[in-house]
Amino acid sequence: MSKTIIIALIATLVATGTLFAFQLNSNSNNLQKNNKVSAGVQGSYTYFAFEREWPGTVCKVNKCTPSYMGNFDSKNFNLHGLWPSGLESNQCSYPQDCGNTHFSFSNISQPTKNYMDTYWVGLYSSTQTFLDHEWTKHGTCYGNDQNQYFTVATDLHKKYNPISALAAKNIVPSDSKSYTVQQVQSALESGFGGPVFLQCKKVNGQQMLFAVDMYFNKALTGVISQPCTKQSSCSTSQPIYLPTV
């Protein structure tokens, strides 16, 4: 094909918008996969997802070791993450990897670090690796200040303590006593003043509480209903256990 014909063909594609559409679709396919926007833009989210995990169950599913448990004391759940989520075009999408910095405890204030040593630990993997993952994948989409990001998350963790909310309704960790999913959900929502989303795991035929999720508006001034509808892994027809650690 001659150079003249190729130039004419490109001109035709540009004029009709075909070339632009092809480029746009190619970029979209590269950026978004499985609702995750890689190479996300900092600040491009509409709400936060906040997840806490219960080590009593996590450590039955994974092999936890004392060196990865830090100073965990069972007085709260372990913090999994605070995740900027939702795009204007798709509430089920979330930005990730919005920067190229790595986590360092040297960037964290001593009070926040002390708290993280107890309630934001790797459990079954290196805490340093775990926190670096949380920062590079999610925290970089919040902003550039590591201390601010981790302090905001730990402040939420202190305010919304599942162990305290459950204990107020006489629900405590036990390897023998079970509860209904409705009892657990009602106790948490009563204590937190807003909706929660429960995640469960089956271990040796028993349904166990694995994680508690909440959602906050972008300003972190209020609890909101789950913006992206998904089905809970907890069955309301089966009892739920909160095993001891």
C-alpha atoms as a PDB file:
ATOM      1  CA  MET A   1       0.000   0.000   0.000  1.00  0.00           C
ATOM      2  CA  SER A   2       1.436   3.376  -1.009  1.00  0.00           C
ATOM      3  CA  LYS A   3       2.237   6.154   1.440  1.00  0.00           C
ATOM      4  CA  THR A   4      -0.395   8.388  -0.211  1.00  0.00           C
ATOM      5  CA  ILE A   5      -3.133   5.805   0.313  1.00  0.00           C
ATOM      6  CA  ILE A   6      -2.133   5.254   3.965  1.00  0.00           C
ATOM      7  CA  ILE A   7      -2.268   9.001   4.681  1.00  0.00           C
ATOM      8  CA  ALA A   8      -5.683   9.236   3.017  1.00  0.00           C
ATOM      9  CA  LEU A   9      -6.973   6.288   5.057  1.00  0.00           C
ATOM     10  CA  ILE A  10      -5.791   7.825   8.347  1.00  0.00           C
ATOM     11  CA  ALA A  11      -7.401  11.146   7.407  1.00  0.00           C
ATOM     12  CA  THR A  12     -10.687   9.358   6.777  1.00  0.00           C
ATOM     13  CA  LEU A  13     -10.545   7.545  10.136  1.00  0.00           C
ATOM     14  CA  VAL A  14      -9.844  10.770  12.007  1.00  0.00           C
ATOM     15  CA  ALA A  15     -12.626  12.612  10.179  1.00  0.00           C
ATOM     16  CA  THR A  16     -15.195   9.945  11.054  1.00  0.00           C
ATOM     17  CA  GLY A  17     -14.024   9.592  14.661  1.00  0.00           C
ATOM     18  CA  THR A  18     -13.187   5.915  14.150  1.00  0.00           C
ATOM     19  CA  LEU A  19      -9.530   6.326  15.094  1.00  0.00           C
ATOM     20  CA  PHE A  20     -10.413   8.294  18.245  1.00  0.00           C
ATOM     21  CA  ALA A  21     -12.938   5.662  19.307  1.00  0.00           C
ATOM     22  CA  PHE A  22     -10.360   2.926  18.814  1.00  0.00           C
ATOM     23  CA  GLN A  23      -7.803   4.791  20.931  1.00  0.00           C
ATOM     24  CA  LEU A  24     -10.373   5.505  23.649  1.00  0.00           C
ATOM     25  CA  ASN A  25     -11.455   1.878  23.849  1.00  0.00           C
ATOM     26  CA  SER A  26      -7.847   0.705  23.941  1.00  0.00           C
ATOM     27  CA  ASN A  27      -7.014   3.093  26.798  1.00  0.00           C
ATOM     28  CA  SER A  28     -10.132   2.066  28.700  1.00  0.00           C
ATOM     29  CA  ASN A  29      -9.255  -1.606  28.403  1.00  0.00           C
ATOM     30  CA  ASN A  30      -5.740  -0.910  29.669  1.00  0.00           C
ATOM     31  CA  LEU A  31      -6.887   1.201  32.625  1.00  0.00           C
ATOM     32  CA  GLN A  32      -9.835  -0.791  33.907  1.00  0.00           C
ATOM     33  CA  LYS A  33     -10.030  -4.503  34.605  1.00  0.00           C
ATOM     34  CA  ASN A  34     -12.413  -6.213  37.005  1.00  0.00           C
ATOM     35  CA  ASN A  35     -13.668  -2.807  38.228  1.00  0.00           C
ATOM     36  CA  LYS A  36     -10.166  -1.748  39.282  1.00  0.00           C
ATOM     37  CA  VAL A  37      -8.684   1.348  37.719  1.00  0.00           C
ATOM     38  CA  SER A  38      -4.933   0.848  37.628  1.00  0.00           C
ATOM     39  CA  ALA A  39      -2.870   3.988  37.186  1.00  0.00           C
ATOM     40  CA  GLY A  40      -5.683   5.761  39.063  1.00  0.00           C
ATOM     41  CA  VAL A  41      -5.847   9.493  39.591  1.00  0.00           C
ATOM     42  CA  GLN A  42      -5.321  10.768  43.135  1.00  0.00           C
ATOM     43  CA  GLY A  43      -8.576  12.019  44.627  1.00  0.00           C
ATOM     44  CA  SER A  44     -10.751  10.441  41.936  1.00  0.00           C
ATOM     45  CA  TYR A  45     -13.151   8.570  44.219  1.00  0.00           C
ATOM     46  CA  THR A  46     -16.582   9.201  45.725  1.00  0.00           C
ATOM     47  CA  TYR A  47     -16.594   7.288  49.027  1.00  0.00           C
ATOM     48  CA  PHE A  48     -14.500   5.126  51.353  1.00  0.00           C
ATOM     49  CA  ALA A  49     -14.766   1.425  52.120  1.00  0.00           C
ATOM     50  CA  PHE A  50     -13.500   0.536  55.595  1.00  0.00           C
ATOM     51  CA  GLU A  51     -12.769  -3.081  56.514  1.00  0.00           C
ATOM     52  CA  ARG A  52     -11.849  -4.734  59.813  1.00  0.00           C
ATOM     53  CA  GLU A  53     -11.053  -8.470  60.062  1.00  0.00           C
ATOM     54  CA  TRP A  54     -11.398 -10.785  63.030  1.00  0.00           C
ATOM     55  CA  PRO A  55      -8.130 -12.703  63.716  1.00  0.00           C
ATOM     56  CA  GLY A  56     -10.024 -15.498  65.477  1.00  0.00           C
ATOM     57  CA  THR A  57     -11.411 -16.468  62.075  1.00  0.00           C
ATOM     58  CA  VAL A  58      -8.592 -15.194  59.865  1.00  0.00           C
ATOM     59  CA  CYS A  59      -6.118 -17.405  61.700  1.00  0.00           C
ATOM     60  CA  LYS A  60      -8.286 -20.474  61.135  1.00  0.00           C
ATOM     61  CA  VAL A  61      -8.242 -19.783  57.404  1.00  0.00           C
ATOM     62  CA  ASN A  62      -4.570 -18.738  57.218  1.00  0.00           C
ATOM     63  CA  LYS A  63      -1.526 -19.773  59.223  1.00  0.00           C
ATOM     64  CA  CYS A  64      -0.877 -16.879  61.591  1.00  0.00           C
ATOM     65  CA  THR A  65       2.421 -16.650  63.453  1.00  0.00           C
ATOM     66  CA  PRO A  66       3.348 -14.741  66.645  1.00  0.00           C
ATOM     67  CA  SER A  67       5.935 -12.669  64.777  1.00  0.00           C
ATOM     68  CA  TYR A  68       3.202 -11.313  62.491  1.00  0.00           C
ATOM     69  CA  MET A  69       0.595 -10.824  65.262  1.00  0.00           C
ATOM     70  CA  GLY A  70       2.411  -7.794  66.686  1.00  0.00           C
ATOM     71  CA  ASN A  71       0.831  -6.651  69.949  1.00  0.00           C
ATOM     72  CA  PHE A  72      -2.719  -7.637  68.987  1.00  0.00           C
ATOM     73  CA  ASP A  73      -4.815  -7.935  72.160  1.00  0.00           C
ATOM     74  CA  SER A  74      -8.339  -8.952  70.972  1.00  0.00           C
ATOM     75  CA  LYS A  75      -9.900  -5.721  72.289  1.00  0.00           C
ATOM     76  CA  ASN A  76     -10.744  -4.672  68.737  1.00  0.00           C
ATOM     77  CA  PHE A  77     -10.648  -6.219  65.266  1.00  0.00           C
ATOM     78  CA  ASN A  78      -7.522  -6.031  63.129  1.00  0.00           C
ATOM     79  CA  LEU A  79      -7.670  -3.202  60.622  1.00  0.00           C
ATOM     80  CA  HIS A  80      -7.556  -4.391  57.013  1.00  0.00           C
ATOM     81  CA  GLY A  81      -7.845  -1.127  55.134  1.00  0.00           C
ATOM     82  CA  LEU A  82      -9.427   2.216  54.338  1.00  0.00           C
ATOM     83  CA  TRP A  83     -10.012   2.231  50.601  1.00  0.00           C
ATOM     84  CA  PRO A  84     -10.912   5.204  48.384  1.00  0.00           C
ATOM     85  CA  SER A  85     -13.679   3.768  46.210  1.00  0.00           C
ATOM     86  CA  GLY A  86     -16.221   4.549  43.526  1.00  0.00           C
ATOM     87  CA  LEU A  87     -15.931   6.542  40.351  1.00  0.00           C
ATOM     88  CA  GLU A  88     -18.570   8.960  39.123  1.00  0.00           C
ATOM     89  CA  SER A  89     -19.214   6.609  36.210  1.00  0.00           C
ATOM     90  CA  ASN A  90     -19.174   3.372  38.222  1.00  0.00           C
ATOM     91  CA  GLN A  91     -19.653   3.087  41.976  1.00  0.00           C
ATOM     92  CA  CYS A  92     -18.319  -0.475  41.890  1.00  0.00           C
ATOM     93  CA  SER A  93     -14.954   0.631  40.517  1.00  0.00           C
ATOM     94  CA  TYR A  94     -12.077   1.922  42.575  1.00  0.00           C
ATOM     95  CA  PRO A  95      -8.814   3.680  41.792  1.00  0.00           C
ATOM     96  CA  GLN A  96      -5.545   2.039  42.710  1.00  0.00           C
ATOM     97  CA  ASP A  97      -1.810   2.666  42.427  1.00  0.00           C
ATOM     98  CA  CYS A  98      -2.109   6.453  42.191  1.00  0.00           C
ATOM     99  CA  GLY A  99       1.539   7.091  43.078  1.00  0.00           C
ATOM    100  CA  ASN A 100       4.938   5.470  43.231  1.00  0.00           C
ATOM    101  CA  THR A 101       5.955   5.945  46.875  1.00  0.00           C
ATOM    102  CA  HIS A 102       6.389   3.113  49.379  1.00  0.00           C
ATOM    103  CA  PHE A 103       5.342   2.825  53.002  1.00  0.00           C
ATOM    104  CA  SER A 104       7.805   3.593  55.766  1.00  0.00           C
ATOM    105  CA  PHE A 105       7.193   3.681  59.520  1.00  0.00           C
ATOM    106  CA  SER A 106       9.552   6.658  59.597  1.00  0.00           C
ATOM    107  CA  ASN A 107       6.708   8.693  58.066  1.00  0.00           C
ATOM    108  CA  ILE A 108       4.258   7.752  60.816  1.00  0.00           C
ATOM    109  CA  SER A 109       3.870   9.608  64.121  1.00  0.00           C
ATOM    110  CA  GLN A 110       4.724   7.599  67.222  1.00  0.00           C
ATOM    111  CA  PRO A 111       1.153   7.486  68.633  1.00  0.00           C
ATOM    112  CA  THR A 112      -0.232   6.207  65.329  1.00  0.00           C
ATOM    113  CA  LYS A 113       2.611   3.707  64.961  1.00  0.00           C
ATOM    114  CA  ASN A 114       1.991   2.382  68.475  1.00  0.00           C
ATOM    115  CA  TYR A 115      -1.664   1.851  67.661  1.00  0.00           C
ATOM    116  CA  MET A 116      -0.848   0.179  64.343  1.00  0.00           C
ATOM    117  CA  ASP A 117       1.554  -2.193  66.116  1.00  0.00           C
ATOM    118  CA  THR A 118      -1.485  -3.535  67.955  1.00  0.00           C
ATOM    119  CA  TYR A 119      -4.376  -3.275  65.505  1.00  0.00           C
ATOM    120  CA  TRP A 120      -2.968  -3.073  61.964  1.00  0.00           C
ATOM    121  CA  VAL A 121      -0.715  -6.106  61.692  1.00  0.00           C
ATOM    122  CA  GLY A 122      -0.015  -8.733  59.051  1.00  0.00           C
ATOM    123  CA  LEU A 123      -1.302 -11.714  61.113  1.00  0.00           C
ATOM    124  CA  TYR A 124      -0.088 -14.310  58.593  1.00  0.00           C
ATOM    125  CA  SER A 125       2.367 -12.235  56.562  1.00  0.00           C
ATOM    126  CA  SER A 126       4.934  -9.498  57.093  1.00  0.00           C
ATOM    127  CA  THR A 127       3.311  -6.386  58.560  1.00  0.00           C
ATOM    128  CA  GLN A 128       5.727  -4.176  56.610  1.00  0.00           C
ATOM    129  CA  THR A 129       4.733  -5.878  53.346  1.00  0.00           C
ATOM    130  CA  PHE A 130       1.027  -5.700  54.238  1.00  0.00           C
ATOM    131  CA  LEU A 131       1.130  -1.982  55.062  1.00  0.00           C
ATOM    132  CA  ASP A 132       3.207  -1.202  51.982  1.00  0.00           C
ATOM    133  CA  HIS A 133       0.539  -2.942  49.900  1.00  0.00           C
ATOM    134  CA  GLU A 134      -2.235  -0.932  51.573  1.00  0.00           C
ATOM    135  CA  TRP A 135      -0.364   2.323  50.984  1.00  0.00           C
ATOM    136  CA  THR A 136       0.773   1.777  47.390  1.00  0.00           C
ATOM    137  CA  LYS A 137      -2.539   0.331  46.203  1.00  0.00           C
ATOM    138  CA  HIS A 138      -5.028   2.429  48.193  1.00  0.00           C
ATOM    139  CA  GLY A 139      -3.343   5.128  50.261  1.00  0.00           C
ATOM    140  CA  THR A 140      -1.684   6.816  47.296  1.00  0.00           C
ATOM    141  CA  CYS A 141      -5.160   7.486  45.894  1.00  0.00           C
ATOM    142  CA  TYR A 142      -6.061   9.346  49.109  1.00  0.00           C
ATOM    143  CA  GLY A 143      -3.085  11.715  49.080  1.00  0.00           C
ATOM    144  CA  ASN A 144       0.637  12.074  49.569  1.00  0.00           C
ATOM    145  CA  ASP A 145       0.756  12.241  53.359  1.00  0.00           C
ATOM    146  CA  GLN A 146       1.265   8.745  54.788  1.00  0.00           C
ATOM    147  CA  ASN A 147       0.843   9.830  58.383  1.00  0.00           C
ATOM    148  CA  GLN A 148      -2.458  11.546  57.633  1.00  0.00           C
ATOM    149  CA  TYR A 149      -3.832   8.518  55.784  1.00  0.00           C
ATOM    150  CA  PHE A 150      -2.914   5.973  58.454  1.00  0.00           C
ATOM    151  CA  THR A 151      -3.958   8.280  61.288  1.00  0.00           C
ATOM    152  CA  VAL A 152      -7.379   8.878  59.722  1.00  0.00           C
ATOM    153  CA  ALA A 153      -7.839   5.112  59.381  1.00  0.00           C
ATOM    154  CA  THR A 154      -6.795   4.363  62.954  1.00  0.00           C
ATOM    155  CA  ASP A 155      -9.047   7.136  64.292  1.00  0.00           C
ATOM    156  CA  LEU A 156     -12.015   5.471  62.545  1.00  0.00           C
ATOM    157  CA  HIS A 157     -10.907   2.155  63.969  1.00  0.00           C
ATOM    158  CA  LYS A 158     -10.956   3.551  67.503  1.00  0.00           C
ATOM    159  CA  LYS A 159     -14.388   5.116  67.011  1.00  0.00           C
ATOM    160  CA  TYR A 160     -16.059   2.105  65.415  1.00  0.00           C
ATOM    161  CA  ASN A 161     -14.922  -0.839  67.538  1.00  0.00           C
ATOM    162  CA  PRO A 162     -16.843  -4.060  66.711  1.00  0.00           C
ATOM    163  CA  ILE A 163     -15.803  -5.806  69.932  1.00  0.00           C
ATOM    164  CA  SER A 164     -17.250  -2.973  72.044  1.00  0.00           C
ATOM    165  CA  ALA A 165     -20.442  -2.746  69.976  1.00  0.00           C
ATOM    166  CA  LEU A 166     -21.005  -6.502  70.183  1.00  0.00           C
ATOM    167  CA  ALA A 167     -20.221  -6.666  73.910  1.00  0.00           C
ATOM    168  CA  ALA A 168     -22.876  -4.006  74.549  1.00  0.00           C
ATOM    169  CA  LYS A 169     -25.400  -6.597  73.323  1.00  0.00           C
ATOM    170  CA  ASN A 170     -23.764  -9.476  75.202  1.00  0.00           C
ATOM    171  CA  ILE A 171     -22.064 -10.926  72.125  1.00  0.00           C
ATOM    172  CA  VAL A 172     -18.511 -11.970  72.949  1.00  0.00           C
ATOM    173  CA  PRO A 173     -15.866 -14.186  71.324  1.00  0.00           C
ATOM    174  CA  SER A 174     -16.472 -17.844  72.115  1.00  0.00           C
ATOM    175  CA  ASP A 175     -15.522 -21.187  70.628  1.00  0.00           C
ATOM    176  CA  SER A 176     -18.796 -22.792  71.729  1.00  0.00           C
ATOM    177  CA  LYS A 177     -21.532 -20.155  71.748  1.00  0.00           C
ATOM    178  CA  SER A 178     -23.136 -19.061  68.478  1.00  0.00           C
ATOM    179  CA  TYR A 179     -25.425 -16.194  67.523  1.00  0.00           C
ATOM    180  CA  THR A 180     -27.699 -15.363  64.645  1.00  0.00           C
ATOM    181  CA  VAL A 181     -26.464 -13.163  61.810  1.00  0.00           C
ATOM    182  CA  GLN A 182     -29.314 -10.792  62.606  1.00  0.00           C
ATOM    183  CA  GLN A 183     -28.149 -10.460  66.237  1.00  0.00           C
ATOM    184  CA  VAL A 184     -24.607  -9.630  65.165  1.00  0.00           C
ATOM    185  CA  GLN A 185     -25.668  -7.192  62.465  1.00  0.00           C
ATOM    186  CA  SER A 186     -28.193  -5.460  64.725  1.00  0.00           C
ATOM    187  CA  ALA A 187     -25.651  -5.077  67.544  1.00  0.00           C
ATOM    188  CA  LEU A 188     -23.068  -3.525  65.239  1.00  0.00           C
ATOM    189  CA  GLU A 189     -25.502  -1.177  63.514  1.00  0.00           C
ATOM    190  CA  SER A 190     -26.919  -0.074  66.866  1.00  0.00           C
ATOM    191  CA  GLY A 191     -23.436   0.639  68.188  1.00  0.00           C
ATOM    192  CA  PHE A 192     -22.225   2.397  65.028  1.00  0.00           C
ATOM    193  CA  GLY A 193     -25.375   4.299  64.147  1.00  0.00           C
ATOM    194  CA  GLY A 194     -25.273   3.110  60.538  1.00  0.00           C
ATOM    195  CA  PRO A 195     -25.240   0.096  58.227  1.00  0.00           C
ATOM    196  CA  VAL A 196     -22.539  -2.574  58.197  1.00  0.00           C
ATOM    197  CA  PHE A 197     -21.697  -5.319  55.718  1.00  0.00           C
ATOM    198  CA  LEU A 198     -20.658  -8.696  57.135  1.00  0.00           C
ATOM    199  CA  GLN A 199     -18.329 -11.266  55.627  1.00  0.00           C
ATOM    200  CA  CYS A 200     -18.161 -14.867  56.797  1.00  0.00           C
ATOM    201  CA  LYS A 201     -16.011 -17.940  56.223  1.00  0.00           C
ATOM    202  CA  LYS A 202     -16.917 -21.597  56.672  1.00  0.00           C
ATOM    203  CA  VAL A 203     -14.429 -23.478  58.865  1.00  0.00           C
ATOM    204  CA  ASN A 204     -15.066 -27.161  59.579  1.00  0.00           C
ATOM    205  CA  GLY A 205     -18.722 -26.661  58.723  1.00  0.00           C
ATOM    206  CA  GLN A 206     -19.195 -23.673  61.050  1.00  0.00           C
ATOM    207  CA  GLN A 207     -19.990 -20.196  59.786  1.00  0.00           C
ATOM    208  CA  MET A 208     -17.611 -17.686  61.351  1.00  0.00           C
ATOM    209  CA  LEU A 209     -17.523 -13.899  61.248  1.00  0.00           C
ATOM    210  CA  PHE A 210     -14.543 -12.948  59.099  1.00  0.00           C
ATOM    211  CA  ALA A 211     -14.823  -9.197  58.491  1.00  0.00           C
ATOM    212  CA  VAL A 212     -16.961  -6.146  59.138  1.00  0.00           C
ATOM    213  CA  ASP A 213     -17.177  -3.504  56.417  1.00  0.00           C
ATOM    214  CA  MET A 214     -18.525   0.028  56.586  1.00  0.00           C
ATOM    215  CA  TYR A 215     -18.802   2.834  54.055  1.00  0.00           C
ATOM    216  CA  PHE A 216     -18.234   6.555  54.537  1.00  0.00           C
ATOM    217  CA  ASN A 217     -18.808   9.605  52.383  1.00  0.00           C
ATOM    218  CA  LYS A 218     -15.768  11.184  50.771  1.00  0.00           C
ATOM    219  CA  ALA A 219     -15.482  13.789  53.522  1.00  0.00           C
ATOM    220  CA  LEU A 220     -15.518  11.007  56.155  1.00  0.00           C
ATOM    221  CA  THR A 221     -18.252  12.848  58.010  1.00  0.00           C
ATOM    222  CA  GLY A 222     -20.887  10.153  57.928  1.00  0.00           C
ATOM    223  CA  VAL A 223     -21.652   6.450  57.516  1.00  0.00           C
ATOM    224  CA  ILE A 224     -23.486   5.653  54.277  1.00  0.00           C
ATOM    225  CA  SER A 225     -25.229   2.626  52.801  1.00  0.00           C
ATOM    226  CA  GLN A 226     -23.190   0.408  50.558  1.00  0.00           C
ATOM    227  CA  PRO A 227     -22.950   2.274  47.215  1.00  0.00           C
ATOM    228  CA  CYS A 228     -22.070  -0.860  45.236  1.00  0.00           C
ATOM    229  CA  THR A 229     -24.540  -3.663  45.838  1.00  0.00           C
ATOM    230  CA  LYS A 230     -22.983  -7.031  46.592  1.00  0.00           C
ATOM    231  CA  GLN A 231     -24.181 -10.127  48.368  1.00  0.00           C
ATOM    232  CA  SER A 232     -22.967 -10.965  51.852  1.00  0.00           C
ATOM    233  CA  SER A 233     -21.121 -14.238  52.326  1.00  0.00           C
ATOM    234  CA  CYS A 234     -22.981 -14.738  55.620  1.00  0.00           C
ATOM    235  CA  SER A 235     -26.043 -16.995  55.518  1.00  0.00           C
ATOM    236  CA  THR A 236     -28.924 -15.820  57.692  1.00  0.00           C
ATOM    237  CA  SER A 237     -30.185 -19.407  57.910  1.00  0.00           C
ATOM    238  CA  GLN A 238     -27.078 -20.565  59.791  1.00  0.00           C
ATOM    239  CA  PRO A 239     -25.664 -19.596  63.186  1.00  0.00           C
ATOM    240  CA  ILE A 240     -22.537 -17.446  63.272  1.00  0.00           C
ATOM    241  CA  TYR A 241     -19.519 -17.884  65.535  1.00  0.00           C
ATOM    242  CA  LEU A 242     -16.966 -15.345  66.747  1.00  0.00           C
ATOM    243  CA  PRO A 243     -14.101 -17.664  67.718  1.00  0.00           C
ATOM    244  CA  THR A 244     -11.489 -16.679  70.250  1.00  0.00           C
ATOM    245  CA  VAL A 245      -8.011 -15.715  69.063  1.00  0.00           C
END
